[in-house]
């Protein structure tokens, strides 16, 4: 009796483990590293004929459809799909505004205290201005990179979608 219970448990475990390992694989011809989307991940997606991007959590992945927040979505109905990382986008906003602020302040030096209302232009701080502009460009680049990584991928023309085990 005990032996049958253990064998039944092992069989149920193996079947559920094999069925629960499906992933959505997004590949692009000019990109070497694919993107994998698994059960429990937050996603952002768009459907054909609808410009609205929706967010949800994947609960089921099947070879022909997936379920996100209780809605069944067929793969042929998808226009875009991607991972949605946690957060409100505040870091993206902060990096972008800090970067643009750094670039703007590099070209607008503060007024000298001895000359009220006038600005002096100096050529001796070229290295500091270039450094400040580079820091600003780097911060804006990080902001854009975060936005691109967090956006949905076009599965109709640019990305290939497949379900793998």
Protein backbone atom coordinates (compact mmCIF):
# COMPACT_ATOMS: atom_id res chain seq x y z
CA UNK A 1 0.00 0.00 0.00
CA UNK A 2 2.75 2.42 0.98
CA UNK A 3 4.71 1.59 -2.17
CA UNK A 4 1.73 2.45 -4.40
CA UNK A 5 1.23 5.76 -2.63
CA UNK A 6 4.86 6.73 -3.19
CA UNK A 7 4.74 5.70 -6.87
CA UNK A 8 1.51 7.65 -7.40
CA UNK A 9 2.98 10.73 -5.74
CA UNK A 10 6.16 10.46 -7.86
CA UNK A 11 4.12 10.07 -11.06
CA UNK A 12 1.91 13.09 -10.26
CA UNK A 13 4.98 15.15 -9.36
CA UNK A 14 6.79 14.27 -12.60
CA UNK A 15 3.74 14.98 -14.77
CA UNK A 16 3.07 18.34 -13.09
CA UNK A 17 6.76 19.25 -13.27
CA UNK A 18 6.94 18.41 -16.99
CA UNK A 19 3.77 20.38 -17.78
CA UNK A 20 4.72 23.38 -15.65
CA UNK A 21 8.03 24.09 -17.38
CA UNK A 22 6.71 25.75 -20.55
CA UNK A 23 8.18 29.14 -21.43
CA UNK A 24 7.57 31.73 -24.10
CA UNK A 25 10.77 32.40 -26.02
CA UNK A 26 11.17 35.68 -27.92
CA UNK A 27 14.03 35.74 -30.42
CA UNK A 28 15.23 38.36 -32.86
CA UNK A 29 17.49 37.51 -35.84
CA UNK A 30 20.12 40.17 -35.04
CA UNK A 31 20.15 39.49 -31.30
CA UNK A 32 21.99 36.53 -29.82
CA UNK A 33 20.31 36.34 -26.42
CA UNK A 34 16.60 35.38 -26.39
CA UNK A 35 14.05 36.66 -23.90
CA UNK A 36 12.18 34.06 -21.85
CA UNK A 37 8.80 34.64 -20.25
CA UNK A 38 7.70 32.13 -17.61
CA UNK A 39 4.69 31.50 -15.39
CA UNK A 40 4.32 34.11 -12.67
CA UNK A 41 6.11 36.87 -14.59
CA UNK A 42 4.62 40.31 -15.10
CA UNK A 43 4.08 41.10 -18.77
CA UNK A 44 2.94 43.90 -21.02
CA UNK A 45 1.12 43.05 -24.25
CA UNK A 46 -0.93 44.53 -27.09
CA UNK A 47 -3.47 42.89 -29.35
CA UNK A 48 -3.95 43.34 -33.10
CA UNK A 49 -6.17 46.29 -33.94
CA UNK A 50 -5.87 47.77 -30.45
CA UNK A 51 -3.20 50.34 -29.60
CA UNK A 52 -3.71 49.91 -25.84
CA UNK A 53 -0.95 48.14 -23.94
CA UNK A 54 -2.19 45.90 -21.15
CA UNK A 55 -0.30 44.60 -18.12
CA UNK A 56 -0.79 41.32 -16.32
CA UNK A 57 0.77 38.28 -14.68
CA UNK A 58 1.05 35.05 -16.67
CA UNK A 59 -0.59 32.11 -14.91
CA UNK A 60 -0.72 29.51 -17.73
CA UNK A 61 1.37 28.94 -20.84
CA UNK A 62 0.03 26.62 -23.53
CA UNK A 63 1.32 25.94 -27.08
CA UNK A 64 -1.54 27.99 -28.59
CA UNK A 65 -2.44 30.53 -25.89
CA UNK A 66 -1.50 31.97 -22.51
CA UNK A 67 -3.57 33.21 -19.59
CA UNK A 68 -2.80 36.57 -17.99
CA UNK A 69 -4.96 37.87 -15.14
CA UNK A 70 -7.74 35.43 -16.01
CA UNK A 71 -7.88 36.42 -19.70
CA UNK A 72 -7.05 33.82 -22.33
CA UNK A 73 -4.99 35.32 -25.15
CA UNK A 74 -4.18 33.38 -28.33
CA UNK A 75 -0.71 33.93 -29.77
CA UNK A 76 -2.10 34.83 -33.20
CA UNK A 77 -4.03 37.73 -31.59
CA UNK A 78 -0.84 39.29 -30.18
CA UNK A 79 0.80 42.33 -31.73
CA UNK A 80 3.42 42.85 -29.00
CA UNK A 81 4.58 41.01 -25.88
CA UNK A 82 7.30 41.65 -23.32
CA UNK A 83 8.34 41.43 -19.69
CA UNK A 84 7.21 44.17 -17.34
CA UNK A 85 9.60 44.71 -14.50
CA UNK A 86 8.36 45.92 -11.15
CA UNK A 87 8.22 49.63 -10.49
CA UNK A 88 6.45 52.74 -11.57
CA UNK A 89 9.14 54.12 -13.87
CA UNK A 90 10.38 56.59 -11.26
CA UNK A 91 14.02 55.56 -11.72
CA UNK A 92 13.63 56.07 -15.46
CA UNK A 93 12.20 59.55 -14.88
CA UNK A 94 14.88 60.42 -12.30
CA UNK A 95 17.75 59.31 -14.56
CA UNK A 96 16.38 61.22 -17.55
CA UNK A 97 15.75 64.48 -15.72
CA UNK A 98 19.07 64.35 -13.88
CA UNK A 99 20.90 63.66 -17.15
CA UNK A 100 19.20 66.51 -19.01
CA UNK A 101 19.79 68.81 -16.02
CA UNK A 102 23.47 67.94 -16.05
CA UNK A 103 23.75 68.67 -19.77
CA UNK A 104 21.90 72.00 -19.48
CA UNK A 105 23.89 73.16 -16.45
CA UNK A 106 27.16 72.35 -18.21
CA UNK A 107 26.42 74.98 -20.85
CA UNK A 108 24.94 77.59 -18.48
CA UNK A 109 27.66 78.61 -16.01
CA UNK A 110 26.55 80.51 -12.91
CA UNK A 111 26.91 84.31 -12.84
CA UNK A 112 29.99 85.67 -11.12
CA UNK A 113 29.31 87.50 -7.82
CA UNK A 114 31.38 90.56 -8.79
CA UNK A 115 29.35 91.21 -11.92
CA UNK A 116 25.62 91.22 -11.12
CA UNK A 117 23.46 90.11 -14.04
CA UNK A 118 26.31 89.21 -16.40
CA UNK A 119 27.93 85.91 -17.20
CA UNK A 120 31.54 85.34 -18.06
CA UNK A 121 32.54 82.71 -20.56
CA UNK A 122 35.67 80.83 -19.68
CA UNK A 123 37.60 78.40 -21.84
CA UNK A 124 39.68 76.98 -19.01
CA UNK A 125 36.98 74.56 -17.80
CA UNK A 126 36.59 72.61 -21.06
CA UNK A 127 37.42 69.32 -19.35
CA UNK A 128 34.82 69.88 -16.64
CA UNK A 129 32.14 70.84 -19.16
CA UNK A 130 32.92 67.78 -21.30
CA UNK A 131 32.83 65.54 -18.22
CA UNK A 132 29.52 66.97 -17.09
CA UNK A 133 28.03 66.50 -20.57
CA UNK A 134 29.29 62.90 -20.69
CA UNK A 135 27.73 62.17 -17.30
CA UNK A 136 24.45 63.68 -18.51
CA UNK A 137 24.51 61.64 -21.73
CA UNK A 138 25.23 58.46 -19.75
CA UNK A 139 22.28 59.08 -17.41
CA UNK A 140 19.93 59.78 -20.32
CA UNK A 141 21.21 56.63 -22.04
CA UNK A 142 20.46 54.55 -18.92
CA UNK A 143 16.97 56.01 -18.82
CA UNK A 144 16.32 55.12 -22.47
CA UNK A 145 17.81 51.64 -22.02
CA UNK A 146 15.50 51.00 -19.06
CA UNK A 147 12.49 52.10 -21.11
CA UNK A 148 13.43 49.88 -24.07
CA UNK A 149 14.05 46.82 -21.90
CA UNK A 150 10.70 47.33 -20.18
CA UNK A 151 8.66 47.71 -23.37
CA UNK A 152 6.70 45.13 -25.34
CA UNK A 153 8.39 43.51 -28.34
CA UNK A 154 6.69 43.52 -31.76
CA UNK A 155 5.92 39.83 -32.39
CA UNK A 156 4.33 40.37 -35.81
CA UNK A 157 7.39 41.52 -37.75
CA UNK A 158 10.56 41.92 -35.65
CA UNK A 159 10.48 39.20 -32.98
CA UNK A 160 9.74 35.49 -33.30
CA UNK A 161 7.55 33.92 -30.60
CA UNK A 162 7.67 30.23 -29.73
CA UNK A 163 6.72 28.07 -26.78
CA UNK A 164 9.53 25.87 -25.43
CA UNK A 165 9.78 23.37 -22.61
